[in-house]
Amino acid sequence: MSARRGPERIETARLVLRRPQASEANPIFARYRAMTGYVLARDAGGRGYATEALGAMVETARMLGVRRLYALCHHEHRASARVLEKCGFMREGVPRSYSEFPNLKPGEPQDVLSCAVLL
């Protein structure tokens, strides 16, 4: 099965919607919040890779002038919640049936833990 790609441009009566351009990154980051995350193979867990990677993303966001960085994880995955906390993220809420996790019940949206750090 091939991945479907949306149209490059969508027009409505009042709007033109399109993918952002690389040259627009600075104005976008200055105006909108940003998201980060990580996915590791099972045998890579417990070695500090997630904390190291997330810490680097927080520092990169700070250097770019991002004001708020957020991340999501499965609401029952305590290790990921702890990594977020170690990197300064605060818990914000639990959106219900928000995202699918291919390794857990494929095709069935799961609750997620939403966290953010203000930079």
PDB file of N, CA and C in Angstrom:
ATOM      1  N   MET A   1       0.836  -1.168   0.000  1.00  0.00           N
ATOM      2  CA  MET A   1       0.000   0.000   0.000  1.00  0.00           C
ATOM      3  C   MET A   1       0.887   1.241   0.000  1.00  0.00           C
ATOM      4  N   SER A   2       0.640   2.150  -0.902  1.00  0.00           N
ATOM      5  CA  SER A   2       1.434   3.373  -0.965  1.00  0.00           C
ATOM      6  C   SER A   2       0.788   4.463  -0.119  1.00  0.00           C
ATOM      7  N   ALA A   3       1.611   5.326   0.445  1.00  0.00           N
ATOM      8  CA  ALA A   3       1.104   6.428   1.262  1.00  0.00           C
ATOM      9  C   ALA A   3       0.452   7.457   0.361  1.00  0.00           C
ATOM     10  N   ARG A   4      -0.664   7.975   0.813  1.00  0.00           N
ATOM     11  CA  ARG A   4      -1.346   9.025   0.056  1.00  0.00           C
ATOM     12  C   ARG A   4      -0.798  10.372   0.464  1.00  0.00           C
ATOM     13  N   ARG A   5      -0.719  11.234  -0.500  1.00  0.00           N
ATOM     14  CA  ARG A   5      -0.227  12.589  -0.256  1.00  0.00           C
ATOM     15  C   ARG A   5      -1.326  13.561  -0.605  1.00  0.00           C
ATOM     16  N   GLY A   6      -1.536  14.528   0.260  1.00  0.00           N
ATOM     17  CA  GLY A   6      -2.558  15.534   0.007  1.00  0.00           C
ATOM     18  C   GLY A   6      -2.127  16.477  -1.093  1.00  0.00           C
ATOM     19  N   PRO A   7      -3.060  17.268  -1.579  1.00  0.00           N
ATOM     20  CA  PRO A   7      -2.731  18.224  -2.642  1.00  0.00           C
ATOM     21  C   PRO A   7      -1.764  19.296  -2.138  1.00  0.00           C
ATOM     22  N   GLU A   8      -0.994  19.840  -3.038  1.00  0.00           N
ATOM     23  CA  GLU A   8      -0.045  20.908  -2.706  1.00  0.00           C
ATOM     24  C   GLU A   8      -0.773  22.196  -2.320  1.00  0.00           C
ATOM     25  N   ARG A   9      -1.971  22.377  -2.861  1.00  0.00           N
ATOM     26  CA  ARG A   9      -2.697  23.631  -2.654  1.00  0.00           C
ATOM     27  C   ARG A   9      -4.190  23.327  -2.582  1.00  0.00           C
ATOM     28  N   ILE A  10      -4.868  23.953  -1.617  1.00  0.00           N
ATOM     29  CA  ILE A  10      -6.311  23.834  -1.472  1.00  0.00           C
ATOM     30  C   ILE A  10      -6.870  25.241  -1.433  1.00  0.00           C
ATOM     31  N   GLU A  11      -7.874  25.505  -2.234  1.00  0.00           N
ATOM     32  CA  GLU A  11      -8.487  26.836  -2.276  1.00  0.00           C
ATOM     33  C   GLU A  11      -9.944  26.760  -1.861  1.00  0.00           C
ATOM     34  N   THR A  12     -10.332  27.711  -1.000  1.00  0.00           N
ATOM     35  CA  THR A  12     -11.735  27.878  -0.633  1.00  0.00           C
ATOM     36  C   THR A  12     -12.153  29.267  -1.104  1.00  0.00           C
ATOM     37  N   ALA A  13     -13.368  29.654  -0.777  1.00  0.00           N
ATOM     38  CA  ALA A  13     -13.847  30.971  -1.199  1.00  0.00           C
ATOM     39  C   ALA A  13     -12.983  32.102  -0.637  1.00  0.00           C
ATOM     40  N   ARG A  14     -12.419  31.900   0.569  1.00  0.00           N
ATOM     41  CA  ARG A  14     -11.655  32.977   1.200  1.00  0.00           C
ATOM     42  C   ARG A  14     -10.196  32.644   1.464  1.00  0.00           C
ATOM     43  N   LEU A  15      -9.792  31.402   1.289  1.00  0.00           N
ATOM     44  CA  LEU A  15      -8.450  31.004   1.699  1.00  0.00           C
ATOM     45  C   LEU A  15      -7.700  30.240   0.611  1.00  0.00           C
ATOM     46  N   VAL A  16      -6.389  30.328   0.687  1.00  0.00           N
ATOM     47  CA  VAL A  16      -5.503  29.452  -0.076  1.00  0.00           C
ATOM     48  C   VAL A  16      -4.643  28.745   0.964  1.00  0.00           C
ATOM     49  N   LEU A  17      -4.768  27.423   1.034  1.00  0.00           N
ATOM     50  CA  LEU A  17      -4.016  26.619   1.994  1.00  0.00           C
ATOM     51  C   LEU A  17      -2.913  25.893   1.247  1.00  0.00           C
ATOM     52  N   ARG A  18      -1.688  25.910   1.815  1.00  0.00           N
ATOM     53  CA  ARG A  18      -0.568  25.246   1.167  1.00  0.00           C
ATOM     54  C   ARG A  18       0.454  24.838   2.220  1.00  0.00           C
ATOM     55  N   ARG A  19       1.333  23.963   1.820  1.00  0.00           N
ATOM     56  CA  ARG A  19       2.399  23.549   2.728  1.00  0.00           C
ATOM     57  C   ARG A  19       3.348  24.718   2.954  1.00  0.00           C
ATOM     58  N   PRO A  20       3.881  24.839   4.169  1.00  0.00           N
ATOM     59  CA  PRO A  20       4.852  25.902   4.419  1.00  0.00           C
ATOM     60  C   PRO A  20       6.146  25.674   3.632  1.00  0.00           C
ATOM     61  N   GLN A  21       6.842  26.743   3.365  1.00  0.00           N
ATOM     62  CA  GLN A  21       8.134  26.707   2.676  1.00  0.00           C
ATOM     63  C   GLN A  21       9.243  26.824   3.730  1.00  0.00           C
ATOM     64  N   ALA A  22      10.406  26.267   3.443  1.00  0.00           N
ATOM     65  CA  ALA A  22      11.528  26.340   4.383  1.00  0.00           C
ATOM     66  C   ALA A  22      11.876  27.779   4.731  1.00  0.00           C
ATOM     67  N   SER A  23      11.737  28.691   3.776  1.00  0.00           N
ATOM     68  CA  SER A  23      12.067  30.097   4.019  1.00  0.00           C
ATOM     69  C   SER A  23      11.097  30.756   5.009  1.00  0.00           C
ATOM     70  N   GLU A  24       9.996  30.104   5.306  1.00  0.00           N
ATOM     71  CA  GLU A  24       9.003  30.655   6.231  1.00  0.00           C
ATOM     72  C   GLU A  24       9.161  30.132   7.657  1.00  0.00           C
ATOM     73  N   ALA A  25      10.193  29.346   7.913  1.00  0.00           N
ATOM     74  CA  ALA A  25      10.369  28.715   9.218  1.00  0.00           C
ATOM     75  C   ALA A  25      10.435  29.727  10.351  1.00  0.00           C
ATOM     76  N   ASN A  26      11.244  30.760  10.227  1.00  0.00           N
ATOM     77  CA  ASN A  26      11.384  31.732  11.319  1.00  0.00           C
ATOM     78  C   ASN A  26      10.072  32.420  11.661  1.00  0.00           C
ATOM     79  N   PRO A  27       9.331  32.954  10.691  1.00  0.00           N
ATOM     80  CA  PRO A  27       8.048  33.564  11.045  1.00  0.00           C
ATOM     81  C   PRO A  27       7.057  32.558  11.641  1.00  0.00           C
ATOM     82  N   ILE A  28       7.101  31.329  11.172  1.00  0.00           N
ATOM     83  CA  ILE A  28       6.192  30.311  11.720  1.00  0.00           C
ATOM     84  C   ILE A  28       6.543  30.026  13.175  1.00  0.00           C
ATOM     85  N   PHE A  29       7.845  29.793  13.454  1.00  0.00           N
ATOM     86  CA  PHE A  29       8.246  29.511  14.829  1.00  0.00           C
ATOM     87  C   PHE A  29       8.000  30.702  15.749  1.00  0.00           C
ATOM     88  N   ALA A  30       8.085  31.904  15.233  1.00  0.00           N
ATOM     89  CA  ALA A  30       7.837  33.086  16.053  1.00  0.00           C
ATOM     90  C   ALA A  30       6.363  33.210  16.427  1.00  0.00           C
ATOM     91  N   ARG A  31       5.497  32.623  15.640  1.00  0.00           N
ATOM     92  CA  ARG A  31       4.066  32.814  15.848  1.00  0.00           C
ATOM     93  C   ARG A  31       3.341  31.599  16.402  1.00  0.00           C
ATOM     94  N   TYR A  32       3.766  30.395  16.100  1.00  0.00           N
ATOM     95  CA  TYR A  32       3.054  29.178  16.485  1.00  0.00           C
ATOM     96  C   TYR A  32       3.889  28.327  17.394  1.00  0.00           C
ATOM     97  N   ARG A  33       3.272  27.486  18.183  1.00  0.00           N
ATOM     98  CA  ARG A  33       3.992  26.537  19.014  1.00  0.00           C
ATOM     99  C   ARG A  33       4.534  25.450  18.161  1.00  0.00           C
ATOM    100  N   ALA A  34       5.495  24.664  18.711  1.00  0.00           N
ATOM    101  CA  ALA A  34       6.169  23.586  17.977  1.00  0.00           C
ATOM    102  C   ALA A  34       5.976  22.287  18.751  1.00  0.00           C
ATOM    103  N   MET A  35       6.124  21.116  18.038  1.00  0.00           N
ATOM    104  CA  MET A  35       5.964  19.793  18.648  1.00  0.00           C
ATOM    105  C   MET A  35       7.227  18.971  18.435  1.00  0.00           C
ATOM    106  N   THR A  36       7.536  18.127  19.393  1.00  0.00           N
ATOM    107  CA  THR A  36       8.662  17.224  19.278  1.00  0.00           C
ATOM    108  C   THR A  36       8.261  15.855  19.797  1.00  0.00           C
ATOM    109  N   GLY A  37       9.108  14.898  19.582  1.00  0.00           N
ATOM    110  CA  GLY A  37       8.856  13.554  20.077  1.00  0.00           C
ATOM    111  C   GLY A  37       9.985  12.627  19.704  1.00  0.00           C
ATOM    112  N   TYR A  38       9.830  11.354  20.044  1.00  0.00           N
ATOM    113  CA  TYR A  38      10.841  10.361  19.741  1.00  0.00           C
ATOM    114  C   TYR A  38      10.169   8.991  19.707  1.00  0.00           C
ATOM    115  N   VAL A  39      10.786   8.081  18.990  1.00  0.00           N
ATOM    116  CA  VAL A  39      10.373   6.682  18.942  1.00  0.00           C
ATOM    117  C   VAL A  39      11.640   5.855  18.989  1.00  0.00           C
ATOM    118  N   LEU A  40      11.685   4.914  19.910  1.00  0.00           N
ATOM    119  CA  LEU A  40      12.865   4.056  20.048  1.00  0.00           C
ATOM    120  C   LEU A  40      12.476   2.587  19.887  1.00  0.00           C
ATOM    121  N   ALA A  41      13.418   1.791  19.405  1.00  0.00           N
ATOM    122  CA  ALA A  41      13.224   0.340  19.388  1.00  0.00           C
ATOM    123  C   ALA A  41      13.181  -0.146  20.837  1.00  0.00           C
ATOM    124  N   ARG A  42      12.443  -1.216  21.078  1.00  0.00           N
ATOM    125  CA  ARG A  42      12.305  -1.735  22.452  1.00  0.00           C
ATOM    126  C   ARG A  42      13.655  -1.990  23.129  1.00  0.00           C
ATOM    127  N   ASP A  43      14.605  -2.537  22.383  1.00  0.00           N
ATOM    128  CA  ASP A  43      15.884  -2.875  23.006  1.00  0.00           C
ATOM    129  C   ASP A  43      16.773  -1.652  23.254  1.00  0.00           C
ATOM    130  N   ALA A  44      16.336  -0.470  22.845  1.00  0.00           N
ATOM    131  CA  ALA A  44      17.106   0.756  23.094  1.00  0.00           C
ATOM    132  C   ALA A  44      16.630   1.480  24.348  1.00  0.00           C
ATOM    133  N   GLY A  45      15.528   1.018  24.938  1.00  0.00           N
ATOM    134  CA  GLY A  45      14.980   1.665  26.126  1.00  0.00           C
ATOM    135  C   GLY A  45      15.890   1.521  27.337  1.00  0.00           C
ATOM    136  N   GLY A  46      15.794   2.478  28.233  1.00  0.00           N
ATOM    137  CA  GLY A  46      16.532   2.412  29.485  1.00  0.00           C
ATOM    138  C   GLY A  46      17.994   2.788  29.405  1.00  0.00           C
ATOM    139  N   ARG A  47      18.419   3.337  28.281  1.00  0.00           N
ATOM    140  CA  ARG A  47      19.833   3.715  28.113  1.00  0.00           C
ATOM    141  C   ARG A  47      20.050   5.222  28.084  1.00  0.00           C
ATOM    142  N   GLY A  48      18.983   5.989  28.251  1.00  0.00           N
ATOM    143  CA  GLY A  48      19.118   7.439  28.270  1.00  0.00           C
ATOM    144  C   GLY A  48      19.038   8.109  26.907  1.00  0.00           C
ATOM    145  N   TYR A  49      18.806   7.334  25.852  1.00  0.00           N
ATOM    146  CA  TYR A  49      18.743   7.920  24.511  1.00  0.00           C
ATOM    147  C   TYR A  49      17.589   8.910  24.372  1.00  0.00           C
ATOM    148  N   ALA A  50      16.428   8.552  24.895  1.00  0.00           N
ATOM    149  CA  ALA A  50      15.258   9.428  24.760  1.00  0.00           C
ATOM    150  C   ALA A  50      15.493  10.756  25.482  1.00  0.00           C
ATOM    151  N   THR A  51      16.025  10.699  26.686  1.00  0.00           N
ATOM    152  CA  THR A  51      16.305  11.918  27.442  1.00  0.00           C
ATOM    153  C   THR A  51      17.339  12.780  26.718  1.00  0.00           C
ATOM    154  N   GLU A  52      18.358  12.147  26.185  1.00  0.00           N
ATOM    155  CA  GLU A  52      19.394  12.882  25.457  1.00  0.00           C
ATOM    156  C   GLU A  52      18.833  13.545  24.195  1.00  0.00           C
ATOM    157  N   ALA A  53      18.028  12.789  23.445  1.00  0.00           N
ATOM    158  CA  ALA A  53      17.444  13.328  22.205  1.00  0.00           C
ATOM    159  C   ALA A  53      16.458  14.457  22.510  1.00  0.00           C
ATOM    160  N   LEU A  54      15.598  14.250  23.497  1.00  0.00           N
ATOM    161  CA  LEU A  54      14.613  15.275  23.832  1.00  0.00           C
ATOM    162  C   LEU A  54      15.293  16.525  24.381  1.00  0.00           C
ATOM    163  N   GLY A  55      16.306  16.354  25.195  1.00  0.00           N
ATOM    164  CA  GLY A  55      17.055  17.503  25.706  1.00  0.00           C
ATOM    165  C   GLY A  55      17.668  18.321  24.578  1.00  0.00           C
ATOM    166  N   ALA A  56      18.196  17.632  23.560  1.00  0.00           N
ATOM    167  CA  ALA A  56      18.764  18.339  22.399  1.00  0.00           C
ATOM    168  C   ALA A  56      17.689  19.105  21.640  1.00  0.00           C
ATOM    169  N   MET A  57      16.497  18.526  21.538  1.00  0.00           N
ATOM    170  CA  MET A  57      15.405  19.215  20.837  1.00  0.00           C
ATOM    171  C   MET A  57      14.935  20.445  21.621  1.00  0.00           C
ATOM    172  N   VAL A  58      14.898  20.349  22.937  1.00  0.00           N
ATOM    173  CA  VAL A  58      14.522  21.506  23.769  1.00  0.00           C
ATOM    174  C   VAL A  58      15.529  22.633  23.568  1.00  0.00           C
ATOM    175  N   GLU A  59      16.807  22.304  23.586  1.00  0.00           N
ATOM    176  CA  GLU A  59      17.838  23.331  23.387  1.00  0.00           C
ATOM    177  C   GLU A  59      17.772  23.929  21.986  1.00  0.00           C
ATOM    178  N   THR A  60      17.514  23.107  20.992  1.00  0.00           N
ATOM    179  CA  THR A  60      17.384  23.609  19.617  1.00  0.00           C
ATOM    180  C   THR A  60      16.191  24.542  19.512  1.00  0.00           C
ATOM    181  N   ALA A  61      15.070  24.160  20.099  1.00  0.00           N
ATOM    182  CA  ALA A  61      13.874  25.019  20.080  1.00  0.00           C
ATOM    183  C   ALA A  61      14.161  26.344  20.775  1.00  0.00           C
ATOM    184  N   ARG A  62      14.865  26.287  21.896  1.00  0.00           N
ATOM    185  CA  ARG A  62      15.222  27.512  22.626  1.00  0.00           C
ATOM    186  C   ARG A  62      16.083  28.421  21.751  1.00  0.00           C
ATOM    187  N   MET A  63      17.077  27.850  21.060  1.00  0.00           N
ATOM    188  CA  MET A  63      17.962  28.638  20.183  1.00  0.00           C
ATOM    189  C   MET A  63      17.185  29.255  19.017  1.00  0.00           C
ATOM    190  N   LEU A  64      16.150  28.560  18.551  1.00  0.00           N
ATOM    191  CA  LEU A  64      15.352  29.065  17.438  1.00  0.00           C
ATOM    192  C   LEU A  64      14.307  30.091  17.865  1.00  0.00           C
ATOM    193  N   GLY A  65      14.186  30.301  19.169  1.00  0.00           N
ATOM    194  CA  GLY A  65      13.216  31.274  19.657  1.00  0.00           C
ATOM    195  C   GLY A  65      11.808  30.729  19.818  1.00  0.00           C
ATOM    196  N   VAL A  66      11.666  29.397  19.839  1.00  0.00           N
ATOM    197  CA  VAL A  66      10.350  28.797  20.083  1.00  0.00           C
ATOM    198  C   VAL A  66       9.941  29.138  21.511  1.00  0.00           C
ATOM    199  N   ARG A  67       8.706  29.529  21.691  1.00  0.00           N
ATOM    200  CA  ARG A  67       8.227  29.931  23.026  1.00  0.00           C
ATOM    201  C   ARG A  67       7.649  28.768  23.814  1.00  0.00           C
ATOM    202  N   ARG A  68       7.001  27.837  23.097  1.00  0.00           N
ATOM    203  CA  ARG A  68       6.351  26.705  23.750  1.00  0.00           C
ATOM    204  C   ARG A  68       6.567  25.470  22.894  1.00  0.00           C
ATOM    205  N   LEU A  69       7.079  24.416  23.515  1.00  0.00           N
ATOM    206  CA  LEU A  69       7.331  23.160  22.829  1.00  0.00           C
ATOM    207  C   LEU A  69       6.466  22.099  23.499  1.00  0.00           C
ATOM    208  N   TYR A  70       5.740  21.323  22.699  1.00  0.00           N
ATOM    209  CA  TYR A  70       4.908  20.290  23.315  1.00  0.00           C
ATOM    210  C   TYR A  70       5.216  18.910  22.750  1.00  0.00           C
ATOM    211  N   ALA A  71       4.784  17.902  23.492  1.00  0.00           N
ATOM    212  CA  ALA A  71       4.998  16.515  23.106  1.00  0.00           C
ATOM    213  C   ALA A  71       3.847  15.675  23.640  1.00  0.00           C
ATOM    214  N   LEU A  72       3.622  14.553  22.989  1.00  0.00           N
ATOM    215  CA  LEU A  72       2.581  13.611  23.393  1.00  0.00           C
ATOM    216  C   LEU A  72       3.202  12.247  23.622  1.00  0.00           C
ATOM    217  N   CYS A  73       2.632  11.477  24.530  1.00  0.00           N
ATOM    218  CA  CYS A  73       3.012  10.080  24.689  1.00  0.00           C
ATOM    219  C   CYS A  73       1.774   9.304  25.118  1.00  0.00           C
ATOM    220  N   HIS A  74       1.835   7.991  24.993  1.00  0.00           N
ATOM    221  CA  HIS A  74       0.715   7.159  25.429  1.00  0.00           C
ATOM    222  C   HIS A  74       0.484   7.419  26.918  1.00  0.00           C
ATOM    223  N   HIS A  75      -0.778   7.560  27.300  1.00  0.00           N
ATOM    224  CA  HIS A  75      -1.086   7.970  28.678  1.00  0.00           C
ATOM    225  C   HIS A  75      -0.641   6.978  29.743  1.00  0.00           C
ATOM    226  N   GLU A  76      -0.376   5.737  29.388  1.00  0.00           N
ATOM    227  CA  GLU A  76       0.067   4.746  30.372  1.00  0.00           C
ATOM    228  C   GLU A  76       1.573   4.459  30.311  1.00  0.00           C
ATOM    229  N   HIS A  77       2.293   5.124  29.424  1.00  0.00           N
ATOM    230  CA  HIS A  77       3.725   4.839  29.271  1.00  0.00           C
ATOM    231  C   HIS A  77       4.519   5.713  30.246  1.00  0.00           C
ATOM    232  N   ARG A  78       4.711   5.197  31.436  1.00  0.00           N
ATOM    233  CA  ARG A  78       5.351   5.962  32.516  1.00  0.00           C
ATOM    234  C   ARG A  78       6.787   6.361  32.199  1.00  0.00           C
ATOM    235  N   ALA A  79       7.522   5.512  31.499  1.00  0.00           N
ATOM    236  CA  ALA A  79       8.917   5.849  31.175  1.00  0.00           C
ATOM    237  C   ALA A  79       8.982   7.090  30.291  1.00  0.00           C
ATOM    238  N   SER A  80       8.090   7.177  29.293  1.00  0.00           N
ATOM    239  CA  SER A  80       8.082   8.372  28.429  1.00  0.00           C
ATOM    240  C   SER A  80       7.633   9.598  29.205  1.00  0.00           C
ATOM    241  N   ALA A  81       6.651   9.444  30.078  1.00  0.00           N
ATOM    242  CA  ALA A  81       6.207  10.578  30.899  1.00  0.00           C
ATOM    243  C   ALA A  81       7.363  11.076  31.765  1.00  0.00           C
ATOM    244  N   ARG A  82       8.154  10.166  32.293  1.00  0.00           N
ATOM    245  CA  ARG A  82       9.308  10.545  33.132  1.00  0.00           C
ATOM    246  C   ARG A  82      10.368  11.270  32.312  1.00  0.00           C
ATOM    247  N   VAL A  83      10.623  10.826  31.084  1.00  0.00           N
ATOM    248  CA  VAL A  83      11.581  11.506  30.207  1.00  0.00           C
ATOM    249  C   VAL A  83      11.121  12.943  29.974  1.00  0.00           C
ATOM    250  N   LEU A  84       9.845  13.122  29.686  1.00  0.00           N
ATOM    251  CA  LEU A  84       9.316  14.475  29.470  1.00  0.00           C
ATOM    252  C   LEU A  84       9.523  15.343  30.705  1.00  0.00           C
ATOM    253  N   GLU A  85       9.229  14.790  31.877  1.00  0.00           N
ATOM    254  CA  GLU A  85       9.418  15.543  33.123  1.00  0.00           C
ATOM    255  C   GLU A  85      10.884  15.918  33.339  1.00  0.00           C
ATOM    256  N   LYS A  86      11.806  14.975  33.082  1.00  0.00           N
ATOM    257  CA  LYS A  86      13.239  15.246  33.261  1.00  0.00           C
ATOM    258  C   LYS A  86      13.721  16.383  32.368  1.00  0.00           C
ATOM    259  N   CYS A  87      13.045  16.561  31.227  1.00  0.00           N
ATOM    260  CA  CYS A  87      13.440  17.608  30.275  1.00  0.00           C
ATOM    261  C   CYS A  87      12.646  18.896  30.477  1.00  0.00           C
ATOM    262  N   GLY A  88      11.928  18.998  31.586  1.00  0.00           N
ATOM    263  CA  GLY A  88      11.255  20.248  31.933  1.00  0.00           C
ATOM    264  C   GLY A  88       9.818  20.375  31.473  1.00  0.00           C
ATOM    265  N   PHE A  89       9.254  19.345  30.862  1.00  0.00           N
ATOM    266  CA  PHE A  89       7.871  19.406  30.395  1.00  0.00           C
ATOM    267  C   PHE A  89       6.906  19.252  31.566  1.00  0.00           C
ATOM    268  N   MET A  90       5.792  19.945  31.489  1.00  0.00           N
ATOM    269  CA  MET A  90       4.733  19.863  32.496  1.00  0.00           C
ATOM    270  C   MET A  90       3.517  19.194  31.873  1.00  0.00           C
ATOM    271  N   ARG A  91       2.831  18.386  32.645  1.00  0.00           N
ATOM    272  CA  ARG A  91       1.622  17.720  32.170  1.00  0.00           C
ATOM    273  C   ARG A  91       0.510  18.744  31.991  1.00  0.00           C
ATOM    274  N   GLU A  92      -0.182  18.642  30.853  1.00  0.00           N
ATOM    275  CA  GLU A  92      -1.273  19.572  30.556  1.00  0.00           C
ATOM    276  C   GLU A  92      -2.634  18.912  30.517  1.00  0.00           C
ATOM    277  N   GLY A  93      -2.684  17.653  30.138  1.00  0.00           N
ATOM    278  CA  GLY A  93      -3.974  16.985  30.055  1.00  0.00           C
ATOM    279  C   GLY A  93      -3.869  15.667  29.324  1.00  0.00           C
ATOM    280  N   VAL A  94      -5.030  15.002  29.172  1.00  0.00           N
ATOM    281  CA  VAL A  94      -5.098  13.711  28.512  1.00  0.00           C
ATOM    282  C   VAL A  94      -6.178  13.759  27.431  1.00  0.00           C
ATOM    283  N   PRO A  95      -5.813  14.122  26.196  1.00  0.00           N
ATOM    284  CA  PRO A  95      -6.788  14.056  25.102  1.00  0.00           C
ATOM    285  C   PRO A  95      -7.208  12.600  24.863  1.00  0.00           C
ATOM    286  N   ARG A  96      -8.512  12.380  24.823  1.00  0.00           N
ATOM    287  CA  ARG A  96      -9.068  11.032  24.675  1.00  0.00           C
ATOM    288  C   ARG A  96      -9.116  10.588  23.220  1.00  0.00           C
ATOM    289  N   SER A  97      -8.795   9.321  22.975  1.00  0.00           N
ATOM    290  CA  SER A  97      -8.838   8.706  21.634  1.00  0.00           C
ATOM    291  C   SER A  97      -8.190   9.614  20.599  1.00  0.00           C
ATOM    292  N   TYR A  98      -7.002  10.100  20.904  1.00  0.00           N
ATOM    293  CA  TYR A  98      -6.352  11.142  20.116  1.00  0.00           C
ATOM    294  C   TYR A  98      -5.428  10.627  19.019  1.00  0.00           C
ATOM    295  N   SER A  99      -4.701   9.545  19.300  1.00  0.00           N
ATOM    296  CA  SER A  99      -3.674   9.121  18.348  1.00  0.00           C
ATOM    297  C   SER A  99      -3.563   7.600  18.316  1.00  0.00           C
ATOM    298  N   GLU A 100      -3.200   7.087  17.150  1.00  0.00           N
ATOM    299  CA  GLU A 100      -2.965   5.654  17.011  1.00  0.00           C
ATOM    300  C   GLU A 100      -1.506   5.351  17.290  1.00  0.00           C
ATOM    301  N   PHE A 101      -1.268   4.235  17.928  1.00  0.00           N
ATOM    302  CA  PHE A 101       0.072   3.732  18.186  1.00  0.00           C
ATOM    303  C   PHE A 101       0.156   2.384  17.473  1.00  0.00           C
ATOM    304  N   PRO A 102       0.919   2.307  16.366  1.00  0.00           N
ATOM    305  CA  PRO A 102       0.948   1.078  15.562  1.00  0.00           C
ATOM    306  C   PRO A 102       1.332  -0.173  16.346  1.00  0.00           C
ATOM    307  N   ASN A 103       2.098  -0.013  17.409  1.00  0.00           N
ATOM    308  CA  ASN A 103       2.516  -1.169  18.196  1.00  0.00           C
ATOM    309  C   ASN A 103       1.483  -1.567  19.256  1.00  0.00           C
ATOM    310  N   LEU A 104       0.431  -0.764  19.413  1.00  0.00           N
ATOM    311  CA  LEU A 104      -0.644  -1.050  20.367  1.00  0.00           C
ATOM    312  C   LEU A 104      -1.993  -0.962  19.666  1.00  0.00           C
ATOM    313  N   LYS A 105      -2.675  -2.040  19.519  1.00  0.00           N
ATOM    314  CA  LYS A 105      -4.016  -2.041  18.939  1.00  0.00           C
ATOM    315  C   LYS A 105      -4.115  -1.191  17.667  1.00  0.00           C
ATOM    316  N   PRO A 106      -3.462  -1.586  16.590  1.00  0.00           N
ATOM    317  CA  PRO A 106      -3.504  -0.812  15.339  1.00  0.00           C
ATOM    318  C   PRO A 106      -4.940  -0.500  14.912  1.00  0.00           C
ATOM    319  N   GLY A 107      -5.137   0.725  14.456  1.00  0.00           N
ATOM    320  CA  GLY A 107      -6.445   1.157  13.984  1.00  0.00           C
ATOM    321  C   GLY A 107      -7.373   1.637  15.081  1.00  0.00           C
ATOM    322  N   GLU A 108      -6.916   1.602  16.321  1.00  0.00           N
ATOM    323  CA  GLU A 108      -7.746   2.037  17.446  1.00  0.00           C
ATOM    324  C   GLU A 108      -7.090   3.228  18.151  1.00  0.00           C
ATOM    325  N   PRO A 109      -7.650   4.437  18.001  1.00  0.00           N
ATOM    326  CA  PRO A 109      -7.044   5.610  18.646  1.00  0.00           C
ATOM    327  C   PRO A 109      -6.965   5.441  20.169  1.00  0.00           C
ATOM    328  N   GLN A 110      -5.866   5.894  20.723  1.00  0.00           N
ATOM    329  CA  GLN A 110      -5.591   5.770  22.158  1.00  0.00           C
ATOM    330  C   GLN A 110      -5.555   7.146  22.831  1.00  0.00           C
ATOM    331  N   ASP A 111      -5.750   7.146  24.137  1.00  0.00           N
ATOM    332  CA  ASP A 111      -5.577   8.365  24.920  1.00  0.00           C
ATOM    333  C   ASP A 111      -4.091   8.718  24.958  1.00  0.00           C
ATOM    334  N   VAL A 112      -3.785   9.996  25.022  1.00  0.00           N
ATOM    335  CA  VAL A 112      -2.389  10.448  25.101  1.00  0.00           C
ATOM    336  C   VAL A 112      -2.217  11.417  26.263  1.00  0.00           C
ATOM    337  N   LEU A 113      -1.003  11.507  26.737  1.00  0.00           N
ATOM    338  CA  LEU A 113      -0.625  12.491  27.734  1.00  0.00           C
ATOM    339  C   LEU A 113      -0.020  13.662  26.979  1.00  0.00           C
ATOM    340  N   SER A 114      -0.550  14.846  27.171  1.00  0.00           N
ATOM    341  CA  SER A 114      -0.044  16.054  26.526  1.00  0.00           C
ATOM    342  C   SER A 114       0.793  16.838  27.533  1.00  0.00           C
ATOM    343  N   CYS A 115       2.028  17.167  27.137  1.00  0.00           N
ATOM    344  CA  CYS A 115       2.955  17.911  28.003  1.00  0.00           C
ATOM    345  C   CYS A 115       3.593  19.035  27.208  1.00  0.00           C
ATOM    346  N   ALA A 116       4.016  20.088  27.910  1.00  0.00           N
ATOM    347  CA  ALA A 116       4.683  21.207  27.231  1.00  0.00           C
ATOM    348  C   ALA A 116       5.716  21.833  28.136  1.00  0.00           C
ATOM    349  N   VAL A 117       6.678  22.479  27.510  1.00  0.00           N
ATOM    350  CA  VAL A 117       7.687  23.255  28.229  1.00  0.00           C
ATOM    351  C   VAL A 117       7.675  24.655  27.647  1.00  0.00           C
ATOM    352  N   LEU A 118       7.693  25.664  28.504  1.00  0.00           N
ATOM    353  CA  LEU A 118       7.769  27.055  28.061  1.00  0.00           C
ATOM    354  C   LEU A 118       9.229  27.442  28.060  1.00  0.00           C
ATOM    355  N   LEU A 119       9.687  28.020  26.956  1.00  0.00           N
ATOM    356  CA  LEU A 119      11.110  28.342  26.793  1.00  0.00           C
ATOM    357  C   LEU A 119      11.359  29.826  26.917  1.00  0.00           C
TER     358      LEU A 119
END
